[in-house]
Amino acid sequence: MILPMMGFFFVMMLLGGIGSIAVMVDDHAARKAVVPFTVFFSGLGVYVMVFGLGFLGSFFNSSWADSLAFFAGPVVGSVGGGLLGYRLGIKRRRRAPEQST
């Protein structure tokens, strides 16, 4: 069950990263910068929290830290990373040139 979950968050990072690169390169696509940034940083936040909490488990009670990494890491990482990506996407959208109609 862990491998499909890890694969899902890896695909989120992969597709969000490709979309983020496209948004940074193309000024006309920068109006849609919120979505790929949110997806990329949400997947990245999960990995940072899970591996970070798992690493801290070696210094503290192992079973407590592993449970915290498995249950709280994905939730806190995806919400925190998603909020960070959303804010960065809003900043990128503000810097985008205005569309002339």
PDB file of N, CA and C in Angstrom:
ATOM      1  N   MET A   1       0.818  -1.197   0.000  1.00  0.00           N
ATOM      2  CA  MET A   1       0.000   0.000   0.000  1.00  0.00           C
ATOM      3  C   MET A   1       0.858   1.255   0.000  1.00  0.00           C
ATOM      4  N   ILE A   2       2.044   1.154   0.537  1.00  0.00           N
ATOM      5  CA  ILE A   2       2.906   2.332   0.591  1.00  0.00           C
ATOM      6  C   ILE A   2       3.461   2.672  -0.788  1.00  0.00           C
ATOM      7  N   LEU A   3       3.821   1.673  -1.581  1.00  0.00           N
ATOM      8  CA  LEU A   3       4.414   1.943  -2.889  1.00  0.00           C
ATOM      9  C   LEU A   3       3.460   2.658  -3.848  1.00  0.00           C
ATOM     10  N   PRO A   4       2.188   2.289  -3.950  1.00  0.00           N
ATOM     11  CA  PRO A   4       1.292   3.078  -4.808  1.00  0.00           C
ATOM     12  C   PRO A   4       1.113   4.512  -4.304  1.00  0.00           C
ATOM     13  N   MET A   5       1.096   4.686  -2.994  1.00  0.00           N
ATOM     14  CA  MET A   5       0.972   6.030  -2.447  1.00  0.00           C
ATOM     15  C   MET A   5       2.221   6.851  -2.768  1.00  0.00           C
ATOM     16  N   MET A   6       3.386   6.255  -2.641  1.00  0.00           N
ATOM     17  CA  MET A   6       4.621   6.961  -2.983  1.00  0.00           C
ATOM     18  C   MET A   6       4.667   7.254  -4.476  1.00  0.00           C
ATOM     19  N   GLY A   7       4.194   6.331  -5.281  1.00  0.00           N
ATOM     20  CA  GLY A   7       4.154   6.546  -6.717  1.00  0.00           C
ATOM     21  C   GLY A   7       3.220   7.676  -7.097  1.00  0.00           C
ATOM     22  N   PHE A   8       2.090   7.778  -6.418  1.00  0.00           N
ATOM     23  CA  PHE A   8       1.148   8.852  -6.690  1.00  0.00           C
ATOM     24  C   PHE A   8       1.771  10.211  -6.420  1.00  0.00           C
ATOM     25  N   PHE A   9       2.448  10.357  -5.287  1.00  0.00           N
ATOM     26  CA  PHE A   9       3.060  11.638  -4.965  1.00  0.00           C
ATOM     27  C   PHE A   9       4.264  11.916  -5.856  1.00  0.00           C
ATOM     28  N   PHE A  10       4.957  10.879  -6.313  1.00  0.00           N
ATOM     29  CA  PHE A  10       6.053  11.089  -7.260  1.00  0.00           C
ATOM     30  C   PHE A  10       5.526  11.580  -8.609  1.00  0.00           C
ATOM     31  N   VAL A  11       4.415  11.010  -9.065  1.00  0.00           N
ATOM     32  CA  VAL A  11       3.814  11.465 -10.323  1.00  0.00           C
ATOM     33  C   VAL A  11       3.302  12.897 -10.173  1.00  0.00           C
ATOM     34  N   MET A  12       2.779  13.246  -9.001  1.00  0.00           N
ATOM     35  CA  MET A  12       2.386  14.633  -8.766  1.00  0.00           C
ATOM     36  C   MET A  12       3.577  15.564  -8.904  1.00  0.00           C
ATOM     37  N   MET A  13       4.717  15.169  -8.320  1.00  0.00           N
ATOM     38  CA  MET A  13       5.923  15.990  -8.445  1.00  0.00           C
ATOM     39  C   MET A  13       6.393  16.059  -9.891  1.00  0.00           C
ATOM     40  N   LEU A  14       6.345  14.958 -10.594  1.00  0.00           N
ATOM     41  CA  LEU A  14       6.823  14.920 -11.973  1.00  0.00           C
ATOM     42  C   LEU A  14       5.967  15.797 -12.883  1.00  0.00           C
ATOM     43  N   LEU A  15       4.664  15.608 -12.855  1.00  0.00           N
ATOM     44  CA  LEU A  15       3.786  16.388 -13.727  1.00  0.00           C
ATOM     45  C   LEU A  15       3.728  17.857 -13.308  1.00  0.00           C
ATOM     46  N   GLY A  16       3.715  18.097 -12.017  1.00  0.00           N
ATOM     47  CA  GLY A  16       3.741  19.482 -11.546  1.00  0.00           C
ATOM     48  C   GLY A  16       5.049  20.173 -11.872  1.00  0.00           C
ATOM     49  N   GLY A  17       6.152  19.430 -11.828  1.00  0.00           N
ATOM     50  CA  GLY A  17       7.445  20.004 -12.196  1.00  0.00           C
ATOM     51  C   GLY A  17       7.529  20.350 -13.662  1.00  0.00           C
ATOM     52  N   ILE A  18       7.014  19.471 -14.516  1.00  0.00           N
ATOM     53  CA  ILE A  18       7.000  19.762 -15.951  1.00  0.00           C
ATOM     54  C   ILE A  18       6.117  20.975 -16.231  1.00  0.00           C
ATOM     55  N   GLY A  19       4.959  21.014 -15.595  1.00  0.00           N
ATOM     56  CA  GLY A  19       4.074  22.166 -15.769  1.00  0.00           C
ATOM     57  C   GLY A  19       4.673  23.451 -15.219  1.00  0.00           C
ATOM     58  N   SER A  20       5.392  23.360 -14.107  1.00  0.00           N
ATOM     59  CA  SER A  20       6.027  24.543 -13.523  1.00  0.00           C
ATOM     60  C   SER A  20       7.122  25.085 -14.424  1.00  0.00           C
ATOM     61  N   ILE A  21       7.884  24.187 -15.025  1.00  0.00           N
ATOM     62  CA  ILE A  21       8.920  24.637 -15.960  1.00  0.00           C
ATOM     63  C   ILE A  21       8.280  25.315 -17.166  1.00  0.00           C
ATOM     64  N   ALA A  22       7.200  24.747 -17.667  1.00  0.00           N
ATOM     65  CA  ALA A  22       6.513  25.348 -18.811  1.00  0.00           C
ATOM     66  C   ALA A  22       5.957  26.723 -18.465  1.00  0.00           C
ATOM     67  N   VAL A  23       5.437  26.874 -17.263  1.00  0.00           N
ATOM     68  CA  VAL A  23       4.876  28.160 -16.845  1.00  0.00           C
ATOM     69  C   VAL A  23       5.974  29.203 -16.660  1.00  0.00           C
ATOM     70  N   MET A  24       7.137  28.782 -16.171  1.00  0.00           N
ATOM     71  CA  MET A  24       8.231  29.730 -15.981  1.00  0.00           C
ATOM     72  C   MET A  24       8.830  30.181 -17.312  1.00  0.00           C
ATOM     73  N   VAL A  25       8.825  29.306 -18.313  1.00  0.00           N
ATOM     74  CA  VAL A  25       9.416  29.639 -19.608  1.00  0.00           C
ATOM     75  C   VAL A  25       8.459  30.461 -20.465  1.00  0.00           C
ATOM     76  N   ASP A  26       7.193  30.085 -20.488  1.00  0.00           N
ATOM     77  CA  ASP A  26       6.211  30.734 -21.353  1.00  0.00           C
ATOM     78  C   ASP A  26       5.455  31.801 -20.572  1.00  0.00           C
ATOM     79  N   ASP A  27       5.588  33.043 -20.991  1.00  0.00           N
ATOM     80  CA  ASP A  27       4.911  34.131 -20.287  1.00  0.00           C
ATOM     81  C   ASP A  27       3.402  34.100 -20.481  1.00  0.00           C
ATOM     82  N   HIS A  28       2.933  33.577 -21.595  1.00  0.00           N
ATOM     83  CA  HIS A  28       1.493  33.538 -21.843  1.00  0.00           C
ATOM     84  C   HIS A  28       0.805  32.457 -21.000  1.00  0.00           C
ATOM     85  N   ALA A  29       1.533  31.426 -20.625  1.00  0.00           N
ATOM     86  CA  ALA A  29       0.965  30.375 -19.779  1.00  0.00           C
ATOM     87  C   ALA A  29       1.061  30.714 -18.298  1.00  0.00           C
ATOM     88  N   ALA A  30       1.694  31.823 -17.972  1.00  0.00           N
ATOM     89  CA  ALA A  30       1.881  32.190 -16.565  1.00  0.00           C
ATOM     90  C   ALA A  30       0.568  32.522 -15.875  1.00  0.00           C
ATOM     91  N   ARG A  31      -0.490  32.751 -16.624  1.00  0.00           N
ATOM     92  CA  ARG A  31      -1.787  33.006 -16.002  1.00  0.00           C
ATOM     93  C   ARG A  31      -2.322  31.762 -15.303  1.00  0.00           C
ATOM     94  N   LYS A  32      -1.827  30.593 -15.688  1.00  0.00           N
ATOM     95  CA  LYS A  32      -2.259  29.329 -15.094  1.00  0.00           C
ATOM     96  C   LYS A  32      -1.221  28.774 -14.124  1.00  0.00           C
ATOM     97  N   ALA A  33      -0.364  29.613 -13.580  1.00  0.00           N
ATOM     98  CA  ALA A  33       0.769  29.162 -12.771  1.00  0.00           C
ATOM     99  C   ALA A  33       0.364  28.561 -11.441  1.00  0.00           C
ATOM    100  N   VAL A  34      -0.820  28.838 -10.979  1.00  0.00           N
ATOM    101  CA  VAL A  34      -1.222  28.370  -9.653  1.00  0.00           C
ATOM    102  C   VAL A  34      -1.321  26.846  -9.608  1.00  0.00           C
ATOM    103  N   VAL A  35      -1.881  26.245 -10.631  1.00  0.00           N
ATOM    104  CA  VAL A  35      -2.141  24.801 -10.615  1.00  0.00           C
ATOM    105  C   VAL A  35      -0.853  23.971 -10.614  1.00  0.00           C
ATOM    106  N   PRO A  36       0.082  24.149 -11.563  1.00  0.00           N
ATOM    107  CA  PRO A  36       1.272  23.294 -11.517  1.00  0.00           C
ATOM    108  C   PRO A  36       2.151  23.542 -10.310  1.00  0.00           C
ATOM    109  N   PHE A  37       2.232  24.780  -9.841  1.00  0.00           N
ATOM    110  CA  PHE A  37       3.030  25.050  -8.640  1.00  0.00           C
ATOM    111  C   PHE A  37       2.423  24.347  -7.429  1.00  0.00           C
ATOM    112  N   THR A  38       1.097  24.398  -7.302  1.00  0.00           N
ATOM    113  CA  THR A  38       0.438  23.745  -6.178  1.00  0.00           C
ATOM    114  C   THR A  38       0.640  22.238  -6.215  1.00  0.00           C
ATOM    115  N   VAL A  39       0.527  21.644  -7.388  1.00  0.00           N
ATOM    116  CA  VAL A  39       0.685  20.189  -7.511  1.00  0.00           C
ATOM    117  C   VAL A  39       2.127  19.780  -7.211  1.00  0.00           C
ATOM    118  N   PHE A  40       3.098  20.514  -7.750  1.00  0.00           N
ATOM    119  CA  PHE A  40       4.499  20.170  -7.521  1.00  0.00           C
ATOM    120  C   PHE A  40       4.880  20.294  -6.053  1.00  0.00           C
ATOM    121  N   PHE A  41       4.571  21.418  -5.431  1.00  0.00           N
ATOM    122  CA  PHE A  41       4.976  21.620  -4.046  1.00  0.00           C
ATOM    123  C   PHE A  41       4.178  20.756  -3.076  1.00  0.00           C
ATOM    124  N   SER A  42       2.984  20.356  -3.452  1.00  0.00           N
ATOM    125  CA  SER A  42       2.228  19.428  -2.620  1.00  0.00           C
ATOM    126  C   SER A  42       2.914  18.058  -2.584  1.00  0.00           C
ATOM    127  N   GLY A  43       3.320  17.554  -3.746  1.00  0.00           N
ATOM    128  CA  GLY A  43       4.048  16.284  -3.788  1.00  0.00           C
ATOM    129  C   GLY A  43       5.396  16.372  -3.112  1.00  0.00           C
ATOM    130  N   LEU A  44       6.098  17.483  -3.314  1.00  0.00           N
ATOM    131  CA  LEU A  44       7.406  17.669  -2.682  1.00  0.00           C
ATOM    132  C   LEU A  44       7.276  17.768  -1.167  1.00  0.00           C
ATOM    133  N   GLY A  45       6.235  18.456  -0.701  1.00  0.00           N
ATOM    134  CA  GLY A  45       6.018  18.590   0.741  1.00  0.00           C
ATOM    135  C   GLY A  45       5.767  17.253   1.417  1.00  0.00           C
ATOM    136  N   VAL A  46       5.084  16.357   0.726  1.00  0.00           N
ATOM    137  CA  VAL A  46       4.840  15.023   1.299  1.00  0.00           C
ATOM    138  C   VAL A  46       6.158  14.295   1.493  1.00  0.00           C
ATOM    139  N   TYR A  47       7.008  14.310   0.478  1.00  0.00           N
ATOM    140  CA  TYR A  47       8.285  13.607   0.606  1.00  0.00           C
ATOM    141  C   TYR A  47       9.177  14.236   1.668  1.00  0.00           C
ATOM    142  N   VAL A  48       9.197  15.546   1.741  1.00  0.00           N
ATOM    143  CA  VAL A  48      10.027  16.211   2.747  1.00  0.00           C
ATOM    144  C   VAL A  48       9.544  15.863   4.149  1.00  0.00           C
ATOM    145  N   MET A  49       8.247  15.899   4.368  1.00  0.00           N
ATOM    146  CA  MET A  49       7.723  15.605   5.703  1.00  0.00           C
ATOM    147  C   MET A  49       7.885  14.137   6.080  1.00  0.00           C
ATOM    148  N   VAL A  50       7.602  13.236   5.152  1.00  0.00           N
ATOM    149  CA  VAL A  50       7.701  11.811   5.479  1.00  0.00           C
ATOM    150  C   VAL A  50       9.144  11.414   5.764  1.00  0.00           C
ATOM    151  N   PHE A  51      10.057  11.821   4.890  1.00  0.00           N
ATOM    152  CA  PHE A  51      11.454  11.453   5.123  1.00  0.00           C
ATOM    153  C   PHE A  51      12.056  12.233   6.284  1.00  0.00           C
ATOM    154  N   GLY A  52      11.637  13.475   6.467  1.00  0.00           N
ATOM    155  CA  GLY A  52      12.127  14.256   7.598  1.00  0.00           C
ATOM    156  C   GLY A  52      11.671  13.687   8.929  1.00  0.00           C
ATOM    157  N   LEU A  53      10.395  13.350   9.033  1.00  0.00           N
ATOM    158  CA  LEU A  53       9.892  12.759  10.277  1.00  0.00           C
ATOM    159  C   LEU A  53      10.453  11.357  10.489  1.00  0.00           C
ATOM    160  N   GLY A  54      10.661  10.620   9.418  1.00  0.00           N
ATOM    161  CA  GLY A  54      11.278   9.304   9.547  1.00  0.00           C
ATOM    162  C   GLY A  54      12.721   9.398  10.018  1.00  0.00           C
ATOM    163  N   PHE A  55      13.437  10.420   9.539  1.00  0.00           N
ATOM    164  CA  PHE A  55      14.816  10.634   9.983  1.00  0.00           C
ATOM    165  C   PHE A  55      14.869  11.035  11.449  1.00  0.00           C
ATOM    166  N   LEU A  56      13.930  11.878  11.870  1.00  0.00           N
ATOM    167  CA  LEU A  56      13.894  12.267  13.274  1.00  0.00           C
ATOM    168  C   LEU A  56      13.533  11.095  14.175  1.00  0.00           C
ATOM    169  N   GLY A  57      12.890  10.086  13.621  1.00  0.00           N
ATOM    170  CA  GLY A  57      12.558   8.900  14.392  1.00  0.00           C
ATOM    171  C   GLY A  57      13.765   8.128  14.868  1.00  0.00           C
ATOM    172  N   SER A  58      14.897   8.287  14.197  1.00  0.00           N
ATOM    173  CA  SER A  58      16.106   7.602  14.641  1.00  0.00           C
ATOM    174  C   SER A  58      16.672   8.223  15.910  1.00  0.00           C
ATOM    175  N   PHE A  59      16.285   9.465  16.197  1.00  0.00           N
ATOM    176  CA  PHE A  59      16.773  10.128  17.409  1.00  0.00           C
ATOM    177  C   PHE A  59      15.810   9.974  18.586  1.00  0.00           C
ATOM    178  N   PHE A  60      14.551   9.750  18.287  1.00  0.00           N
ATOM    179  CA  PHE A  60      13.538   9.636  19.334  1.00  0.00           C
ATOM    180  C   PHE A  60      12.970   8.225  19.332  1.00  0.00           C
ATOM    181  N   ASN A  61      11.814   8.051  19.920  1.00  0.00           N
ATOM    182  CA  ASN A  61      11.137   6.760  19.955  1.00  0.00           C
ATOM    183  C   ASN A  61      10.783   6.351  18.526  1.00  0.00           C
ATOM    184  N   SER A  62      11.290   5.235  18.081  1.00  0.00           N
ATOM    185  CA  SER A  62      11.164   4.836  16.683  1.00  0.00           C
ATOM    186  C   SER A  62       9.721   4.565  16.273  1.00  0.00           C
ATOM    187  N   SER A  63       8.968   3.859  17.082  1.00  0.00           N
ATOM    188  CA  SER A  63       7.596   3.532  16.691  1.00  0.00           C
ATOM    189  C   SER A  63       6.713   4.780  16.666  1.00  0.00           C
ATOM    190  N   TRP A  64       6.924   5.689  17.582  1.00  0.00           N
ATOM    191  CA  TRP A  64       6.141   6.927  17.610  1.00  0.00           C
ATOM    192  C   TRP A  64       6.446   7.782  16.382  1.00  0.00           C
ATOM    193  N   ALA A  65       7.712   7.936  16.053  1.00  0.00           N
ATOM    194  CA  ALA A  65       8.088   8.779  14.923  1.00  0.00           C
ATOM    195  C   ALA A  65       7.675   8.143  13.588  1.00  0.00           C
ATOM    196  N   ASP A  66       7.755   6.828  13.488  1.00  0.00           N
ATOM    197  CA  ASP A  66       7.325   6.170  12.257  1.00  0.00           C
ATOM    198  C   ASP A  66       5.823   6.307  12.055  1.00  0.00           C
ATOM    199  N   SER A  67       5.069   6.196  13.126  1.00  0.00           N
ATOM    200  CA  SER A  67       3.622   6.400  13.026  1.00  0.00           C
ATOM    201  C   SER A  67       3.301   7.836  12.646  1.00  0.00           C
ATOM    202  N   LEU A  68       4.028   8.770  13.224  1.00  0.00           N
ATOM    203  CA  LEU A  68       3.833  10.176  12.895  1.00  0.00           C
ATOM    204  C   LEU A  68       4.190  10.448  11.436  1.00  0.00           C
ATOM    205  N   ALA A  69       5.287   9.838  10.957  1.00  0.00           N
ATOM    206  CA  ALA A  69       5.703  10.020   9.566  1.00  0.00           C
ATOM    207  C   ALA A  69       4.694   9.404   8.611  1.00  0.00           C
ATOM    208  N   PHE A  70       4.115   8.290   8.968  1.00  0.00           N
ATOM    209  CA  PHE A  70       3.188   7.609   8.059  1.00  0.00           C
ATOM    210  C   PHE A  70       1.812   8.256   8.039  1.00  0.00           C
ATOM    211  N   PHE A  71       1.321   8.702   9.192  1.00  0.00           N
ATOM    212  CA  PHE A  71      -0.040   9.235   9.251  1.00  0.00           C
ATOM    213  C   PHE A  71      -0.103  10.749   9.102  1.00  0.00           C
ATOM    214  N   ALA A  72       0.772  11.476   9.775  1.00  0.00           N
ATOM    215  CA  ALA A  72       0.704  12.943   9.749  1.00  0.00           C
ATOM    216  C   ALA A  72       1.548  13.547   8.639  1.00  0.00           C
ATOM    217  N   GLY A  73       2.597  12.868   8.221  1.00  0.00           N
ATOM    218  CA  GLY A  73       3.488  13.405   7.201  1.00  0.00           C
ATOM    219  C   GLY A  73       2.807  13.718   5.887  1.00  0.00           C
ATOM    220  N   PRO A  74       2.039  12.788   5.314  1.00  0.00           N
ATOM    221  CA  PRO A  74       1.358  13.113   4.048  1.00  0.00           C
ATOM    222  C   PRO A  74       0.329  14.230   4.172  1.00  0.00           C
ATOM    223  N   VAL A  75      -0.366  14.278   5.273  1.00  0.00           N
ATOM    224  CA  VAL A  75      -1.391  15.314   5.435  1.00  0.00           C
ATOM    225  C   VAL A  75      -0.751  16.686   5.593  1.00  0.00           C
ATOM    226  N   VAL A  76       0.192  16.787   6.516  1.00  0.00           N
ATOM    227  CA  VAL A  76       0.842  18.075   6.768  1.00  0.00           C
ATOM    228  C   VAL A  76       1.676  18.495   5.563  1.00  0.00           C
ATOM    229  N   GLY A  77       2.366  17.551   4.944  1.00  0.00           N
ATOM    230  CA  GLY A  77       3.194  17.872   3.788  1.00  0.00           C
ATOM    231  C   GLY A  77       2.391  18.321   2.589  1.00  0.00           C
ATOM    232  N   SER A  78       1.285  17.654   2.317  1.00  0.00           N
ATOM    233  CA  SER A  78       0.494  18.038   1.141  1.00  0.00           C
ATOM    234  C   SER A  78      -0.217  19.364   1.359  1.00  0.00           C
ATOM    235  N   VAL A  79      -0.745  19.608   2.535  1.00  0.00           N
ATOM    236  CA  VAL A  79      -1.421  20.881   2.800  1.00  0.00           C
ATOM    237  C   VAL A  79      -0.407  22.025   2.839  1.00  0.00           C
ATOM    238  N   GLY A  80       0.691  21.827   3.561  1.00  0.00           N
ATOM    239  CA  GLY A  80       1.709  22.876   3.647  1.00  0.00           C
ATOM    240  C   GLY A  80       2.369  23.154   2.309  1.00  0.00           C
ATOM    241  N   GLY A  81       2.718  22.112   1.586  1.00  0.00           N
ATOM    242  CA  GLY A  81       3.322  22.296   0.274  1.00  0.00           C
ATOM    243  C   GLY A  81       2.346  22.895  -0.720  1.00  0.00           C
ATOM    244  N   GLY A  82       1.087  22.502  -0.631  1.00  0.00           N
ATOM    245  CA  GLY A  82       0.074  23.073  -1.509  1.00  0.00           C
ATOM    246  C   GLY A  82      -0.125  24.560  -1.261  1.00  0.00           C
ATOM    247  N   LEU A  83      -0.119  24.969   0.002  1.00  0.00           N
ATOM    248  CA  LEU A  83      -0.245  26.394   0.311  1.00  0.00           C
ATOM    249  C   LEU A  83       0.965  27.182  -0.168  1.00  0.00           C
ATOM    250  N   LEU A  84       2.155  26.619  -0.006  1.00  0.00           N
ATOM    251  CA  LEU A  84       3.368  27.274  -0.496  1.00  0.00           C
ATOM    252  C   LEU A  84       3.333  27.400  -2.017  1.00  0.00           C
ATOM    253  N   GLY A  85       2.959  26.337  -2.703  1.00  0.00           N
ATOM    254  CA  GLY A  85       2.861  26.385  -4.151  1.00  0.00           C
ATOM    255  C   GLY A  85       1.800  27.352  -4.630  1.00  0.00           C
ATOM    256  N   TYR A  86       0.703  27.441  -3.915  1.00  0.00           N
ATOM    257  CA  TYR A  86      -0.358  28.380  -4.280  1.00  0.00           C
ATOM    258  C   TYR A  86       0.150  29.817  -4.187  1.00  0.00           C
ATOM    259  N   ARG A  87       0.851  30.126  -3.112  1.00  0.00           N
ATOM    260  CA  ARG A  87       1.385  31.487  -2.953  1.00  0.00           C
ATOM    261  C   ARG A  87       2.416  31.806  -4.019  1.00  0.00           C
ATOM    262  N   LEU A  88       3.287  30.857  -4.344  1.00  0.00           N
ATOM    263  CA  LEU A  88       4.272  31.088  -5.398  1.00  0.00           C
ATOM    264  C   LEU A  88       3.610  31.224  -6.765  1.00  0.00           C
ATOM    265  N   GLY A  89       2.555  30.466  -7.002  1.00  0.00           N
ATOM    266  CA  GLY A  89       1.806  30.586  -8.249  1.00  0.00           C
ATOM    267  C   GLY A  89       1.119  31.931  -8.385  1.00  0.00           C
ATOM    268  N   ILE A  90       0.593  32.451  -7.278  1.00  0.00           N
ATOM    269  CA  ILE A  90      -0.020  33.783  -7.296  1.00  0.00           C
ATOM    270  C   ILE A  90       1.039  34.837  -7.623  1.00  0.00           C
ATOM    271  N   LYS A  91       2.228  34.707  -7.043  1.00  0.00           N
ATOM    272  CA  LYS A  91       3.308  35.655  -7.353  1.00  0.00           C
ATOM    273  C   LYS A  91       3.690  35.587  -8.824  1.00  0.00           C
ATOM    274  N   ARG A  92       3.782  34.388  -9.372  1.00  0.00           N
ATOM    275  CA  ARG A  92       4.135  34.250 -10.788  1.00  0.00           C
ATOM    276  C   ARG A  92       3.042  34.827 -11.678  1.00  0.00           C
ATOM    277  N   ARG A  93       1.800  34.627 -11.302  1.00  0.00           N
ATOM    278  CA  ARG A  93       0.697  35.153 -12.102  1.00  0.00           C
ATOM    279  C   ARG A  93       0.694  36.677 -12.087  1.00  0.00           C
ATOM    280  N   ARG A  94       1.074  37.282 -10.978  1.00  0.00           N
ATOM    281  CA  ARG A  94       1.139  38.741 -10.912  1.00  0.00           C
ATOM    282  C   ARG A  94       2.242  39.306 -11.803  1.00  0.00           C
ATOM    283  N   ARG A  95       3.339  38.564 -11.945  1.00  0.00           N
ATOM    284  CA  ARG A  95       4.445  39.041 -12.771  1.00  0.00           C
ATOM    285  C   ARG A  95       4.221  38.790 -14.242  1.00  0.00           C
ATOM    286  N   ALA A  96       3.187  38.078 -14.602  1.00  0.00           N
ATOM    287  CA  ALA A  96       2.916  37.761 -16.013  1.00  0.00           C
ATOM    288  C   ALA A  96       2.481  39.029 -16.739  1.00  0.00           C
ATOM    289  N   PRO A  97       2.844  39.138 -17.996  1.00  0.00           N
ATOM    290  CA  PRO A  97       2.395  40.313 -18.751  1.00  0.00           C
ATOM    291  C   PRO A  97       0.888  40.276 -18.969  1.00  0.00           C
ATOM    292  N   GLU A  98       0.294  41.441 -19.042  1.00  0.00           N
ATOM    293  CA  GLU A  98      -1.142  41.535 -19.249  1.00  0.00           C
ATOM    294  C   GLU A  98      -1.488  41.084 -20.666  1.00  0.00           C
ATOM    295  N   GLN A  99      -2.611  40.404 -20.802  1.00  0.00           N
ATOM    296  CA  GLN A  99      -3.059  39.963 -22.109  1.00  0.00           C
ATOM    297  C   GLN A  99      -3.796  41.085 -22.811  1.00  0.00           C
ATOM    298  N   SER A 100      -3.450  41.319 -24.049  1.00  0.00           N
ATOM    299  CA  SER A 100      -4.154  42.350 -24.821  1.00  0.00           C
ATOM    300  C   SER A 100      -5.258  41.692 -25.632  1.00  0.00           C
ATOM    301  N   THR A 101      -6.455  42.235 -25.527  1.00  0.00           N
ATOM    302  CA  THR A 101      -7.587  41.656 -26.256  1.00  0.00           C
ATOM    303  C   THR A 101      -7.957  42.461 -27.453  1.00  0.00           C
TER     304      THR A 101
END
